[in-house]
Amino acid sequence: MAGDFRQAHRSAPVAGDVEKSEGDEASPDIGARLRELRKMHGLSQRELAKRAGVTNGTISLIEQNRISPSVGSLKKVLDGFPISIADFLTLDLKPRSKVFYQAKELREIAGGPVSFRLVGRDTRGRAIQMMHERYAPGADTGDEMLSHAGEECGIVISGVLELTVGGEVRRLVAGDAYYFDSRLPHRFRNPGTIDCVIVSACTPPSF
């Protein structure tokens, strides 16, 4: 992809990225927005860099507004969340004290045969993440097992959920629940013939 970041001595910017001069101002402030979004997701510069396939030095340079990334470079970094450039530039990063959410206000962060709808658009400083999850028949979270710091739990609202945690596999139906240490490798799958719906919680937030 043209304009992608490449590691060089001292994490130098690549072609397509413009090195900013003293006194230059970002419009919009890409660096500040990236830093706030990264903190909102609870990621270190190193973690975001690993997700995006760039160096942590590159993330640091962008956040300090020392380079102005090309569209291609910015898209590659934002794919680490993921978030589109349009959403990134219009996302309200101001703290909110919103209490109630209509169904249409839940934020879709997956899409396709697996739907993850997040309660609350601004997760900065929050200790818990709650989602409405829907798995189409045969859908799963992927061949690769998930693993991350924290704890998670959930209740099956409808359908059948096949949950693998560590070496254990269990099929759960409506009304059944789970609670486990998220560091254990885990995977979700719908082995049934109708949608499986779950309400889940995770702390700290993983999205």
C-alpha atoms as a PDB file:
ATOM      1  CA  MET A   1       0.000   0.000   0.000  1.00  0.00           C
ATOM      2  CA  ALA A   2       1.471   3.368  -1.005  1.00  0.00           C
ATOM      3  CA  GLY A   3       2.456   5.499   1.958  1.00  0.00           C
ATOM      4  CA  ASP A   4       2.726   2.588   4.417  1.00  0.00           C
ATOM      5  CA  PHE A   5       5.105   3.096   7.309  1.00  0.00           C
ATOM      6  CA  ARG A   6       8.438   1.248   7.154  1.00  0.00           C
ATOM      7  CA  GLN A   7      10.940   0.924   9.952  1.00  0.00           C
ATOM      8  CA  ALA A   8      14.186   2.819   9.390  1.00  0.00           C
ATOM      9  CA  HIS A   9      16.863   4.322  11.592  1.00  0.00           C
ATOM     10  CA  ARG A  10      15.322   6.339  14.423  1.00  0.00           C
ATOM     11  CA  SER A  11      11.798   5.389  13.224  1.00  0.00           C
ATOM     12  CA  ALA A  12      12.042   7.900  10.387  1.00  0.00           C
ATOM     13  CA  PRO A  13       8.831   8.830   8.521  1.00  0.00           C
ATOM     14  CA  VAL A  14       8.324   7.217   5.133  1.00  0.00           C
ATOM     15  CA  ALA A  15       7.457   8.596   1.737  1.00  0.00           C
ATOM     16  CA  GLY A  16       3.947   9.978   1.815  1.00  0.00           C
ATOM     17  CA  ASP A  17       4.236  11.091   5.450  1.00  0.00           C
ATOM     18  CA  VAL A  18       5.192  14.729   5.932  1.00  0.00           C
ATOM     19  CA  GLU A  19       7.644  15.697   8.650  1.00  0.00           C
ATOM     20  CA  LYS A  20       6.178  18.663  10.507  1.00  0.00           C
ATOM     21  CA  SER A  21       8.181  21.826  11.109  1.00  0.00           C
ATOM     22  CA  GLU A  22       8.365  23.824  14.312  1.00  0.00           C
ATOM     23  CA  GLY A  23       5.167  25.810  14.661  1.00  0.00           C
ATOM     24  CA  ASP A  24       3.141  23.704  12.224  1.00  0.00           C
ATOM     25  CA  GLU A  25      -0.391  22.942  13.385  1.00  0.00           C
ATOM     26  CA  ALA A  26      -2.377  19.820  12.593  1.00  0.00           C
ATOM     27  CA  SER A  27      -5.847  20.382  11.222  1.00  0.00           C
ATOM     28  CA  PRO A  28      -7.538  18.375  12.547  1.00  0.00           C
ATOM     29  CA  ASP A  29      -5.242  17.449  15.445  1.00  0.00           C
ATOM     30  CA  ILE A  30      -4.524  13.886  14.318  1.00  0.00           C
ATOM     31  CA  GLY A  31      -1.965  13.310  17.075  1.00  0.00           C
ATOM     32  CA  ALA A  32      -4.250  14.258  19.952  1.00  0.00           C
ATOM     33  CA  ARG A  33      -7.171  12.307  18.489  1.00  0.00           C
ATOM     34  CA  LEU A  34      -5.038   9.195  18.030  1.00  0.00           C
ATOM     35  CA  ARG A  35      -3.720   9.445  21.583  1.00  0.00           C
ATOM     36  CA  GLU A  36      -7.230   9.842  23.044  1.00  0.00           C
ATOM     37  CA  LEU A  37      -8.609   6.970  20.955  1.00  0.00           C
ATOM     38  CA  ARG A  38      -5.724   4.724  21.993  1.00  0.00           C
ATOM     39  CA  LYS A  39      -6.338   5.515  25.671  1.00  0.00           C
ATOM     40  CA  MET A  40     -10.062   4.991  25.156  1.00  0.00           C
ATOM     41  CA  HIS A  41      -9.275   1.438  24.022  1.00  0.00           C
ATOM     42  CA  GLY A  42      -6.806   0.896  26.887  1.00  0.00           C
ATOM     43  CA  LEU A  43      -3.870   0.285  24.539  1.00  0.00           C
ATOM     44  CA  SER A  44      -0.219   1.213  24.973  1.00  0.00           C
ATOM     45  CA  GLN A  45       1.677   2.642  22.002  1.00  0.00           C
ATOM     46  CA  ARG A  46       3.455  -0.700  21.686  1.00  0.00           C
ATOM     47  CA  GLU A  47       0.176  -2.673  21.679  1.00  0.00           C
ATOM     48  CA  LEU A  48      -1.380  -0.441  19.025  1.00  0.00           C
ATOM     49  CA  ALA A  49       1.780  -0.617  16.914  1.00  0.00           C
ATOM     50  CA  LYS A  50       1.708  -4.424  17.053  1.00  0.00           C
ATOM     51  CA  ARG A  51      -1.952  -4.525  16.015  1.00  0.00           C
ATOM     52  CA  ALA A  52      -1.361  -2.108  13.136  1.00  0.00           C
ATOM     53  CA  GLY A  53       1.912  -3.646  11.957  1.00  0.00           C
ATOM     54  CA  VAL A  54       3.972  -0.479  12.466  1.00  0.00           C
ATOM     55  CA  THR A  55       6.668   0.553  14.960  1.00  0.00           C
ATOM     56  CA  ASN A  56       5.795   2.080  18.321  1.00  0.00           C
ATOM     57  CA  GLY A  57       8.147   4.914  17.319  1.00  0.00           C
ATOM     58  CA  THR A  58       5.795   5.696  14.435  1.00  0.00           C
ATOM     59  CA  ILE A  59       2.799   5.872  16.773  1.00  0.00           C
ATOM     60  CA  SER A  60       4.769   8.183  19.071  1.00  0.00           C
ATOM     61  CA  LEU A  61       5.745  10.511  16.204  1.00  0.00           C
ATOM     62  CA  ILE A  62       2.130  10.803  15.020  1.00  0.00           C
ATOM     63  CA  GLU A  63       0.803  11.450  18.537  1.00  0.00           C
ATOM     64  CA  GLN A  64       3.388  14.180  19.043  1.00  0.00           C
ATOM     65  CA  ASN A  65       2.379  15.684  15.678  1.00  0.00           C
ATOM     66  CA  ARG A  66       5.979  15.372  14.515  1.00  0.00           C
ATOM     67  CA  ILE A  67       4.802  13.740  11.293  1.00  0.00           C
ATOM     68  CA  SER A  68       1.578  14.141   9.353  1.00  0.00           C
ATOM     69  CA  PRO A  69       0.608  10.668   8.090  1.00  0.00           C
ATOM     70  CA  SER A  70      -0.620  10.029   4.567  1.00  0.00           C
ATOM     71  CA  VAL A  71      -4.137   8.670   4.104  1.00  0.00           C
ATOM     72  CA  GLY A  72      -2.742   5.177   3.523  1.00  0.00           C
ATOM     73  CA  SER A  73      -0.537   5.330   6.600  1.00  0.00           C
ATOM     74  CA  LEU A  74      -3.347   6.657   8.793  1.00  0.00           C
ATOM     75  CA  LYS A  75      -5.716   3.926   7.570  1.00  0.00           C
ATOM     76  CA  LYS A  76      -3.152   1.264   8.449  1.00  0.00           C
ATOM     77  CA  VAL A  77      -2.810   2.624  11.994  1.00  0.00           C
ATOM     78  CA  LEU A  78      -6.587   2.964  12.454  1.00  0.00           C
ATOM     79  CA  ASP A  79      -7.089  -0.632  11.265  1.00  0.00           C
ATOM     80  CA  GLY A  80      -5.439  -1.567  14.556  1.00  0.00           C
ATOM     81  CA  PHE A  81      -8.599  -0.567  16.468  1.00  0.00           C
ATOM     82  CA  PRO A  82     -10.386  -0.918  13.925  1.00  0.00           C
ATOM     83  CA  ILE A  83     -12.096   2.367  12.998  1.00  0.00           C
ATOM     84  CA  SER A  84     -12.634   4.112   9.667  1.00  0.00           C
ATOM     85  CA  ILE A  85     -10.921   7.409   8.897  1.00  0.00           C
ATOM     86  CA  ALA A  86     -14.333   9.122   8.706  1.00  0.00           C
ATOM     87  CA  ASP A  87     -15.365   7.848  12.147  1.00  0.00           C
ATOM     88  CA  PHE A  88     -11.938   8.725  13.558  1.00  0.00           C
ATOM     89  CA  LEU A  89     -12.187  12.335  12.385  1.00  0.00           C
ATOM     90  CA  THR A  90     -15.766  12.819  13.631  1.00  0.00           C
ATOM     91  CA  LEU A  91     -15.688  10.753  16.841  1.00  0.00           C
ATOM     92  CA  ASP A  92     -16.692  12.817  19.874  1.00  0.00           C
ATOM     93  CA  LEU A  93     -13.777  12.439  22.286  1.00  0.00           C
ATOM     94  CA  LYS A  94     -15.218  14.686  24.985  1.00  0.00           C
ATOM     95  CA  PRO A  95     -16.149  12.916  28.252  1.00  0.00           C
ATOM     96  CA  ARG A  96     -19.866  12.211  28.555  1.00  0.00           C
ATOM     97  CA  SER A  97     -22.123  11.302  31.424  1.00  0.00           C
ATOM     98  CA  LYS A  98     -24.795   9.586  29.321  1.00  0.00           C
ATOM     99  CA  VAL A  99     -26.782   7.051  31.327  1.00  0.00           C
ATOM    100  CA  PHE A 100     -29.431   5.619  28.995  1.00  0.00           C
ATOM    101  CA  TYR A 101     -29.048   4.226  25.466  1.00  0.00           C
ATOM    102  CA  GLN A 102     -31.647   3.342  22.860  1.00  0.00           C
ATOM    103  CA  ALA A 103     -31.120   0.153  20.874  1.00  0.00           C
ATOM    104  CA  LYS A 104     -30.043   2.171  17.815  1.00  0.00           C
ATOM    105  CA  GLU A 105     -27.318   3.869  19.892  1.00  0.00           C
ATOM    106  CA  LEU A 106     -25.430   0.651  20.617  1.00  0.00           C
ATOM    107  CA  ARG A 107     -22.218   0.765  18.596  1.00  0.00           C
ATOM    108  CA  GLU A 108     -21.610  -2.106  16.154  1.00  0.00           C
ATOM    109  CA  ILE A 109     -17.929  -3.075  16.292  1.00  0.00           C
ATOM    110  CA  ALA A 110     -18.016  -6.327  14.313  1.00  0.00           C
ATOM    111  CA  GLY A 111     -20.601  -6.978  11.609  1.00  0.00           C
ATOM    112  CA  GLY A 112     -21.378  -9.863   9.276  1.00  0.00           C
ATOM    113  CA  PRO A 113     -22.290 -13.263  10.748  1.00  0.00           C
ATOM    114  CA  VAL A 114     -21.012 -12.101  14.166  1.00  0.00           C
ATOM    115  CA  SER A 115     -22.446  -8.916  15.678  1.00  0.00           C
ATOM    116  CA  PHE A 116     -20.949  -7.147  18.709  1.00  0.00           C
ATOM    117  CA  ARG A 117     -22.992  -4.119  19.828  1.00  0.00           C
ATOM    118  CA  LEU A 118     -21.239  -2.092  22.504  1.00  0.00           C
ATOM    119  CA  VAL A 119     -23.072  -0.198  25.262  1.00  0.00           C
ATOM    120  CA  GLY A 120     -21.681   3.352  25.256  1.00  0.00           C
ATOM    121  CA  ARG A 121     -19.653   4.992  22.501  1.00  0.00           C
ATOM    122  CA  ASP A 122     -17.121   6.619  24.837  1.00  0.00           C
ATOM    123  CA  THR A 123     -15.349   3.951  26.914  1.00  0.00           C
ATOM    124  CA  ARG A 124     -12.529   6.116  28.308  1.00  0.00           C
ATOM    125  CA  GLY A 125     -11.935   5.463  31.972  1.00  0.00           C
ATOM    126  CA  ARG A 126     -14.599   2.772  32.153  1.00  0.00           C
ATOM    127  CA  ALA A 127     -13.854  -0.371  34.115  1.00  0.00           C
ATOM    128  CA  ILE A 128     -16.366  -2.591  32.358  1.00  0.00           C
ATOM    129  CA  GLN A 129     -17.436  -3.347  28.795  1.00  0.00           C
ATOM    130  CA  MET A 130     -20.934  -4.640  28.101  1.00  0.00           C
ATOM    131  CA  MET A 131     -22.111  -5.986  24.759  1.00  0.00           C
ATOM    132  CA  HIS A 132     -25.102  -7.485  22.993  1.00  0.00           C
ATOM    133  CA  GLU A 133     -23.652 -10.337  20.907  1.00  0.00           C
ATOM    134  CA  ARG A 134     -25.330 -12.197  18.067  1.00  0.00           C
ATOM    135  CA  TYR A 135     -23.907 -15.230  16.225  1.00  0.00           C
ATOM    136  CA  ALA A 136     -25.547 -16.492  13.038  1.00  0.00           C
ATOM    137  CA  PRO A 137     -25.842 -20.305  12.674  1.00  0.00           C
ATOM    138  CA  GLY A 138     -22.346 -21.736  12.193  1.00  0.00           C
ATOM    139  CA  ALA A 139     -20.630 -18.429  13.046  1.00  0.00           C
ATOM    140  CA  ASP A 140     -17.689 -18.284  15.426  1.00  0.00           C
ATOM    141  CA  THR A 141     -14.934 -15.975  16.665  1.00  0.00           C
ATOM    142  CA  GLY A 142     -12.359 -17.593  14.375  1.00  0.00           C
ATOM    143  CA  ASP A 143      -9.972 -20.528  14.280  1.00  0.00           C
ATOM    144  CA  GLU A 144      -7.463 -18.722  16.490  1.00  0.00           C
ATOM    145  CA  MET A 145      -8.337 -18.824  20.188  1.00  0.00           C
ATOM    146  CA  LEU A 146      -8.813 -15.463  21.917  1.00  0.00           C
ATOM    147  CA  SER A 147      -6.765 -14.488  24.976  1.00  0.00           C
ATOM    148  CA  HIS A 148      -6.398 -11.157  26.792  1.00  0.00           C
ATOM    149  CA  ALA A 149      -6.059  -9.753  30.297  1.00  0.00           C
ATOM    150  CA  GLY A 150      -9.213  -9.538  32.391  1.00  0.00           C
ATOM    151  CA  GLU A 151     -12.364 -11.460  33.226  1.00  0.00           C
ATOM    152  CA  GLU A 152     -15.567 -11.927  31.262  1.00  0.00           C
ATOM    153  CA  CYS A 153     -19.023 -13.327  31.785  1.00  0.00           C
ATOM    154  CA  GLY A 154     -22.285 -13.584  29.933  1.00  0.00           C
ATOM    155  CA  ILE A 155     -25.784 -15.036  29.765  1.00  0.00           C
ATOM    156  CA  VAL A 156     -27.246 -16.820  26.753  1.00  0.00           C
ATOM    157  CA  ILE A 157     -30.531 -15.140  25.819  1.00  0.00           C
ATOM    158  CA  SER A 158     -31.508 -17.429  22.932  1.00  0.00           C
ATOM    159  CA  GLY A 159     -30.078 -20.170  20.756  1.00  0.00           C
ATOM    160  CA  VAL A 160     -27.131 -22.437  21.546  1.00  0.00           C
ATOM    161  CA  LEU A 161     -23.572 -21.363  22.349  1.00  0.00           C
ATOM    162  CA  GLU A 162     -20.583 -23.686  22.157  1.00  0.00           C
ATOM    163  CA  LEU A 163     -17.930 -22.147  24.400  1.00  0.00           C
ATOM    164  CA  THR A 164     -14.353 -23.394  24.580  1.00  0.00           C
ATOM    165  CA  VAL A 165     -12.269 -22.209  27.555  1.00  0.00           C
ATOM    166  CA  GLY A 166      -8.836 -23.728  27.953  1.00  0.00           C
ATOM    167  CA  GLY A 167      -9.359 -27.453  27.471  1.00  0.00           C
ATOM    168  CA  GLU A 168     -13.074 -27.396  28.322  1.00  0.00           C
ATOM    169  CA  VAL A 169     -15.912 -27.312  25.796  1.00  0.00           C
ATOM    170  CA  ARG A 170     -19.516 -26.768  26.854  1.00  0.00           C
ATOM    171  CA  ARG A 171     -22.797 -26.147  25.048  1.00  0.00           C
ATOM    172  CA  LEU A 172     -24.969 -23.531  26.716  1.00  0.00           C
ATOM    173  CA  VAL A 173     -28.637 -22.790  26.024  1.00  0.00           C
ATOM    174  CA  ALA A 174     -30.970 -19.912  26.930  1.00  0.00           C
ATOM    175  CA  GLY A 175     -30.604 -19.033  30.609  1.00  0.00           C
ATOM    176  CA  ASP A 176     -27.164 -20.650  30.973  1.00  0.00           C
ATOM    177  CA  ALA A 177     -24.175 -18.466  31.808  1.00  0.00           C
ATOM    178  CA  TYR A 178     -20.371 -18.398  31.914  1.00  0.00           C
ATOM    179  CA  TYR A 179     -17.617 -16.618  33.840  1.00  0.00           C
ATOM    180  CA  PHE A 180     -13.885 -17.102  33.238  1.00  0.00           C
ATOM    181  CA  ASP A 181     -10.407 -15.580  33.326  1.00  0.00           C
ATOM    182  CA  SER A 182      -9.927 -14.055  29.866  1.00  0.00           C
ATOM    183  CA  ARG A 183      -6.252 -15.018  29.839  1.00  0.00           C
ATOM    184  CA  LEU A 184      -7.386 -18.595  29.212  1.00  0.00           C
ATOM    185  CA  PRO A 185      -7.614 -19.299  25.452  1.00  0.00           C
ATOM    186  CA  HIS A 186     -11.290 -19.135  24.487  1.00  0.00           C
ATOM    187  CA  ARG A 187     -13.579 -19.353  21.468  1.00  0.00           C
ATOM    188  CA  PHE A 188     -17.290 -18.829  20.830  1.00  0.00           C
ATOM    189  CA  ARG A 189     -19.334 -20.752  18.225  1.00  0.00           C
ATOM    190  CA  ASN A 190     -22.980 -21.163  17.321  1.00  0.00           C
ATOM    191  CA  PRO A 191     -23.578 -24.848  16.459  1.00  0.00           C
ATOM    192  CA  GLY A 192     -27.337 -24.365  16.203  1.00  0.00           C
ATOM    193  CA  THR A 193     -29.808 -23.576  13.422  1.00  0.00           C
ATOM    194  CA  ILE A 194     -31.001 -20.199  14.769  1.00  0.00           C
ATOM    195  CA  ASP A 195     -29.163 -17.075  15.896  1.00  0.00           C
ATOM    196  CA  CYS A 196     -27.442 -17.279  19.271  1.00  0.00           C
ATOM    197  CA  VAL A 197     -27.827 -14.102  21.343  1.00  0.00           C
ATOM    198  CA  ILE A 198     -25.674 -13.284  24.370  1.00  0.00           C
ATOM    199  CA  VAL A 199     -25.402 -10.353  26.761  1.00  0.00           C
ATOM    200  CA  SER A 200     -21.797 -10.199  27.950  1.00  0.00           C
ATOM    201  CA  ALA A 201     -19.522  -8.146  30.184  1.00  0.00           C
ATOM    202  CA  CYS A 202     -15.730  -7.863  30.265  1.00  0.00           C
ATOM    203  CA  THR A 203     -13.341  -6.044  32.576  1.00  0.00           C
ATOM    204  CA  PRO A 204     -11.189  -4.262  31.697  1.00  0.00           C
ATOM    205  CA  PRO A 205     -12.662  -3.395  28.282  1.00  0.00           C
ATOM    206  CA  SER A 206     -11.027  -5.336  25.445  1.00  0.00           C
ATOM    207  CA  PHE A 207     -12.404  -3.181  22.579  1.00  0.00           C
END
